[in-house]
Amino acid sequence: MNNYKFINHKDCEFFPCHKTNKPEEFNCMFCYCPLYMLGEKCGGNFKYTPHGIKDCSNCNLPHIKEVGYDHIQKKMLEVIEIVQQEYLSKKEQEEKK
C-alpha cells in the first residue's frame, strides 16, 4: 500500500486539469507542480511561451498514478540542492563584506 502517494479529487471544479484517458488514475496530489523552478531539468513535457513563461499544460507526469509521486520526490532533491547552494553562496558573500 502507498495510499499517501495518491489523491483523486474528482469533485474539484477543475478536475481533471489535464487531458487524460484514465481520470480514475489521475493524481491530484501535486496540483501545482513543485518542479516548476527546475526549468528544463524538471523532466516533464512542457514548452516555453514567447514571453518566457513555462507552459506545463501538456504535462501529466506529476499526475501519473504509478510514477508521478516518485519522480517528484527524486527531483525534490535537486530543488533542495539549488536552495542550499543559493543560501551558502549568499552567506559566503555576506561574510566577505
N, C-alpha and C. Protein backbone atom coordinates (compact mmCIF):
# COMPACT_ATOMS: atom_id res chain seq x y z
N MET A 1 0.83 -1.19 0.00
CA MET A 1 0.00 0.00 0.00
C MET A 1 0.87 1.24 0.00
N ASN A 2 0.51 2.20 -0.73
CA ASN A 2 1.15 3.51 -0.72
C ASN A 2 0.08 4.57 -0.92
N ASN A 3 -0.97 4.50 -0.12
CA ASN A 3 -2.10 5.40 -0.28
C ASN A 3 -1.73 6.87 -0.14
N TYR A 4 -0.67 7.17 0.58
CA TYR A 4 -0.25 8.55 0.77
C TYR A 4 0.29 9.17 -0.52
N LYS A 5 0.54 8.35 -1.55
CA LYS A 5 1.10 8.83 -2.81
C LYS A 5 0.03 9.22 -3.83
N PHE A 6 -1.25 9.06 -3.49
CA PHE A 6 -2.28 9.27 -4.50
C PHE A 6 -3.53 9.93 -3.92
N ILE A 7 -3.97 11.01 -4.58
CA ILE A 7 -5.21 11.69 -4.24
C ILE A 7 -5.96 11.94 -5.54
N ASN A 8 -7.19 11.51 -5.62
CA ASN A 8 -8.02 11.73 -6.80
C ASN A 8 -9.19 12.59 -6.37
N HIS A 9 -9.09 13.89 -6.67
CA HIS A 9 -10.09 14.85 -6.21
C HIS A 9 -11.11 15.12 -7.33
N LYS A 10 -11.91 14.11 -7.62
CA LYS A 10 -12.85 14.19 -8.74
C LYS A 10 -13.94 15.24 -8.54
N ASP A 11 -14.12 15.74 -7.33
CA ASP A 11 -15.13 16.77 -7.09
C ASP A 11 -14.60 18.19 -7.32
N CYS A 12 -13.32 18.31 -7.62
CA CYS A 12 -12.72 19.62 -7.90
C CYS A 12 -13.32 20.19 -9.18
N GLU A 13 -13.62 21.47 -9.18
CA GLU A 13 -14.22 22.10 -10.35
C GLU A 13 -13.28 22.12 -11.56
N PHE A 14 -11.99 21.86 -11.36
CA PHE A 14 -11.03 21.85 -12.46
C PHE A 14 -10.63 20.43 -12.87
N PHE A 15 -11.22 19.43 -12.24
CA PHE A 15 -10.84 18.04 -12.49
C PHE A 15 -11.35 17.54 -13.83
N PRO A 16 -10.52 16.85 -14.58
CA PRO A 16 -9.06 16.84 -14.48
C PRO A 16 -8.49 18.09 -15.15
N CYS A 17 -7.43 18.60 -14.63
CA CYS A 17 -6.85 19.84 -15.15
C CYS A 17 -6.03 19.61 -16.41
N HIS A 18 -5.73 18.36 -16.73
CA HIS A 18 -5.03 17.99 -17.95
C HIS A 18 -5.83 16.88 -18.64
N LYS A 19 -5.70 16.81 -19.95
CA LYS A 19 -6.40 15.75 -20.68
C LYS A 19 -5.87 14.39 -20.23
N THR A 20 -6.80 13.44 -20.05
CA THR A 20 -6.42 12.10 -19.64
C THR A 20 -7.45 11.10 -20.12
N ASN A 21 -6.98 9.91 -20.45
CA ASN A 21 -7.88 8.83 -20.82
C ASN A 21 -8.30 8.00 -19.61
N LYS A 22 -7.63 8.26 -18.47
CA LYS A 22 -7.90 7.49 -17.25
C LYS A 22 -8.12 8.44 -16.07
N PRO A 23 -9.25 9.12 -16.02
CA PRO A 23 -9.49 10.07 -14.93
C PRO A 23 -9.47 9.42 -13.55
N GLU A 24 -9.81 8.14 -13.46
CA GLU A 24 -9.79 7.45 -12.17
C GLU A 24 -8.37 7.24 -11.64
N GLU A 25 -7.37 7.37 -12.52
CA GLU A 25 -5.98 7.22 -12.12
C GLU A 25 -5.24 8.56 -12.09
N PHE A 26 -5.97 9.66 -12.22
CA PHE A 26 -5.37 10.99 -12.25
C PHE A 26 -5.02 11.42 -10.83
N ASN A 27 -3.75 11.65 -10.57
CA ASN A 27 -3.28 12.01 -9.23
C ASN A 27 -3.27 13.53 -9.07
N CYS A 28 -4.04 14.00 -8.12
CA CYS A 28 -4.16 15.43 -7.85
C CYS A 28 -3.21 15.92 -6.74
N MET A 29 -2.38 15.04 -6.23
CA MET A 29 -1.51 15.41 -5.11
C MET A 29 -0.67 16.64 -5.42
N PHE A 30 -0.13 16.71 -6.62
CA PHE A 30 0.70 17.85 -6.99
C PHE A 30 -0.08 18.75 -7.94
N CYS A 31 -1.13 19.34 -7.40
CA CYS A 31 -1.98 20.23 -8.17
C CYS A 31 -1.15 21.33 -8.82
N TYR A 32 -0.24 21.89 -8.07
CA TYR A 32 0.75 22.83 -8.59
C TYR A 32 2.10 22.16 -8.49
N CYS A 33 2.74 21.98 -9.61
CA CYS A 33 3.97 21.21 -9.65
C CYS A 33 5.11 21.90 -8.90
N PRO A 34 5.70 21.23 -7.92
CA PRO A 34 6.81 21.82 -7.18
C PRO A 34 8.12 21.84 -7.98
N LEU A 35 8.10 21.29 -9.20
CA LEU A 35 9.31 21.25 -10.02
C LEU A 35 9.39 22.39 -11.03
N TYR A 36 8.44 23.28 -11.02
CA TYR A 36 8.42 24.39 -11.97
C TYR A 36 9.76 25.12 -11.97
N MET A 37 10.31 25.33 -10.80
CA MET A 37 11.55 26.11 -10.68
C MET A 37 12.76 25.43 -11.31
N LEU A 38 12.66 24.13 -11.62
CA LEU A 38 13.78 23.44 -12.23
C LEU A 38 13.91 23.73 -13.72
N GLY A 39 12.95 24.46 -14.27
CA GLY A 39 13.02 24.80 -15.69
C GLY A 39 13.11 23.55 -16.55
N GLU A 40 14.09 23.50 -17.43
CA GLU A 40 14.25 22.38 -18.36
C GLU A 40 14.66 21.07 -17.68
N LYS A 41 15.05 21.12 -16.44
CA LYS A 41 15.50 19.92 -15.73
C LYS A 41 14.37 19.19 -15.00
N CYS A 42 13.14 19.64 -15.14
CA CYS A 42 12.03 19.04 -14.39
C CYS A 42 11.70 17.63 -14.86
N GLY A 43 11.94 17.34 -16.13
CA GLY A 43 11.65 16.01 -16.65
C GLY A 43 10.27 15.86 -17.26
N GLY A 44 9.50 16.94 -17.27
CA GLY A 44 8.14 16.87 -17.80
C GLY A 44 8.02 17.35 -19.23
N ASN A 45 6.83 17.23 -19.77
CA ASN A 45 6.52 17.64 -21.14
C ASN A 45 5.98 19.07 -21.09
N PHE A 46 6.83 20.04 -21.33
CA PHE A 46 6.45 21.44 -21.25
C PHE A 46 7.00 22.18 -22.45
N LYS A 47 6.61 23.43 -22.57
CA LYS A 47 7.20 24.33 -23.56
C LYS A 47 7.23 25.72 -22.95
N TYR A 48 7.98 26.60 -23.56
CA TYR A 48 8.00 27.98 -23.11
C TYR A 48 7.16 28.83 -24.05
N THR A 49 6.42 29.77 -23.48
CA THR A 49 5.65 30.70 -24.30
C THR A 49 6.62 31.72 -24.90
N PRO A 50 6.18 32.49 -25.87
CA PRO A 50 7.05 33.54 -26.43
C PRO A 50 7.53 34.55 -25.39
N HIS A 51 6.80 34.63 -24.26
CA HIS A 51 7.18 35.57 -23.19
C HIS A 51 8.08 34.92 -22.13
N GLY A 52 8.50 33.68 -22.38
CA GLY A 52 9.40 33.01 -21.46
C GLY A 52 8.71 32.35 -20.27
N ILE A 53 7.42 32.16 -20.33
CA ILE A 53 6.68 31.51 -19.26
C ILE A 53 6.63 30.01 -19.54
N LYS A 54 6.91 29.23 -18.56
CA LYS A 54 6.88 27.77 -18.71
C LYS A 54 5.41 27.32 -18.75
N ASP A 55 5.04 26.66 -19.84
CA ASP A 55 3.68 26.17 -20.04
C ASP A 55 3.66 24.66 -19.84
N CYS A 56 3.07 24.22 -18.76
CA CYS A 56 3.05 22.80 -18.39
C CYS A 56 1.70 22.15 -18.70
N SER A 57 0.89 22.79 -19.51
CA SER A 57 -0.46 22.28 -19.75
C SER A 57 -0.47 20.93 -20.46
N ASN A 58 0.60 20.55 -21.13
CA ASN A 58 0.67 19.23 -21.78
C ASN A 58 1.44 18.20 -20.95
N CYS A 59 1.71 18.52 -19.72
CA CYS A 59 2.48 17.62 -18.87
C CYS A 59 1.58 16.90 -17.87
N ASN A 60 1.59 15.60 -17.93
CA ASN A 60 0.84 14.78 -16.98
C ASN A 60 1.74 14.07 -15.99
N LEU A 61 3.04 14.24 -16.10
CA LEU A 61 3.98 13.49 -15.27
C LEU A 61 3.66 13.50 -13.78
N PRO A 62 3.39 14.65 -13.16
CA PRO A 62 3.08 14.62 -11.73
C PRO A 62 1.77 13.91 -11.41
N HIS A 63 0.93 13.74 -12.42
CA HIS A 63 -0.41 13.20 -12.22
C HIS A 63 -0.53 11.71 -12.55
N ILE A 64 0.56 11.08 -13.00
CA ILE A 64 0.52 9.66 -13.34
C ILE A 64 0.59 8.84 -12.06
N LYS A 65 -0.42 8.03 -11.84
CA LYS A 65 -0.58 7.31 -10.58
C LYS A 65 0.66 6.53 -10.16
N GLU A 66 1.24 5.77 -11.03
CA GLU A 66 2.34 4.87 -10.64
C GLU A 66 3.71 5.51 -10.60
N VAL A 67 3.93 6.65 -11.25
CA VAL A 67 5.29 7.20 -11.31
C VAL A 67 5.42 8.65 -10.85
N GLY A 68 4.31 9.40 -10.84
CA GLY A 68 4.39 10.82 -10.55
C GLY A 68 4.98 11.16 -9.20
N TYR A 69 4.47 10.53 -8.16
CA TYR A 69 4.94 10.82 -6.80
C TYR A 69 6.44 10.55 -6.67
N ASP A 70 6.87 9.38 -7.14
CA ASP A 70 8.29 9.02 -7.01
C ASP A 70 9.19 9.95 -7.82
N HIS A 71 8.72 10.36 -8.99
CA HIS A 71 9.50 11.30 -9.81
C HIS A 71 9.67 12.63 -9.07
N ILE A 72 8.57 13.14 -8.54
CA ILE A 72 8.62 14.42 -7.81
C ILE A 72 9.57 14.32 -6.62
N GLN A 73 9.47 13.25 -5.85
CA GLN A 73 10.33 13.10 -4.67
C GLN A 73 11.80 13.05 -5.05
N LYS A 74 12.11 12.35 -6.11
CA LYS A 74 13.50 12.26 -6.57
C LYS A 74 14.02 13.63 -7.02
N LYS A 75 13.21 14.35 -7.78
CA LYS A 75 13.61 15.66 -8.29
C LYS A 75 13.65 16.72 -7.18
N MET A 76 12.89 16.52 -6.10
CA MET A 76 12.93 17.48 -5.00
C MET A 76 14.31 17.54 -4.36
N LEU A 77 15.08 16.47 -4.48
CA LEU A 77 16.46 16.51 -4.01
C LEU A 77 17.26 17.57 -4.76
N GLU A 78 16.98 17.73 -6.06
CA GLU A 78 17.63 18.78 -6.84
C GLU A 78 17.16 20.16 -6.39
N VAL A 79 15.88 20.30 -6.08
CA VAL A 79 15.35 21.58 -5.59
C VAL A 79 16.05 21.94 -4.28
N ILE A 80 16.16 20.98 -3.39
CA ILE A 80 16.82 21.22 -2.09
C ILE A 80 18.27 21.65 -2.32
N GLU A 81 18.94 20.99 -3.24
CA GLU A 81 20.34 21.32 -3.52
C GLU A 81 20.48 22.75 -4.07
N ILE A 82 19.57 23.15 -4.95
CA ILE A 82 19.60 24.50 -5.51
C ILE A 82 19.41 25.54 -4.41
N VAL A 83 18.44 25.32 -3.55
CA VAL A 83 18.17 26.26 -2.46
C VAL A 83 19.36 26.31 -1.50
N GLN A 84 19.92 25.15 -1.21
CA GLN A 84 21.08 25.09 -0.32
C GLN A 84 22.26 25.86 -0.92
N GLN A 85 22.52 25.67 -2.20
CA GLN A 85 23.64 26.36 -2.85
C GLN A 85 23.41 27.88 -2.86
N GLU A 86 22.17 28.30 -3.10
CA GLU A 86 21.86 29.73 -3.07
C GLU A 86 22.10 30.30 -1.68
N TYR A 87 21.70 29.58 -0.66
CA TYR A 87 21.88 30.02 0.72
C TYR A 87 23.37 30.13 1.04
N LEU A 88 24.13 29.08 0.71
CA LEU A 88 25.56 29.08 1.01
C LEU A 88 26.30 30.17 0.25
N SER A 89 25.90 30.41 -0.98
CA SER A 89 26.52 31.46 -1.78
C SER A 89 26.24 32.83 -1.18
N LYS A 90 25.00 33.05 -0.77
CA LYS A 90 24.62 34.32 -0.15
C LYS A 90 25.37 34.51 1.17
N LYS A 91 25.45 33.46 1.95
CA LYS A 91 26.16 33.52 3.22
C LYS A 91 27.64 33.84 2.99
N GLU A 92 28.24 33.24 1.99
CA GLU A 92 29.65 33.49 1.68
C GLU A 92 29.87 34.94 1.26
N GLN A 93 28.94 35.49 0.47
CA GLN A 93 29.04 36.87 0.04
C GLN A 93 28.92 37.82 1.22
N GLU A 94 28.04 37.50 2.15
CA GLU A 94 27.85 38.35 3.33
C GLU A 94 29.09 38.32 4.22
N GLU A 95 29.75 37.18 4.30
CA GLU A 95 30.96 37.06 5.13
C GLU A 95 32.13 37.84 4.54
N LYS A 96 32.13 38.05 3.22
CA LYS A 96 33.20 38.79 2.56
C LYS A 96 33.08 40.29 2.79
N LYS A 97 31.92 40.75 3.21
CA LYS A 97 31.69 42.20 3.40
C LYS A 97 32.36 42.70 4.64
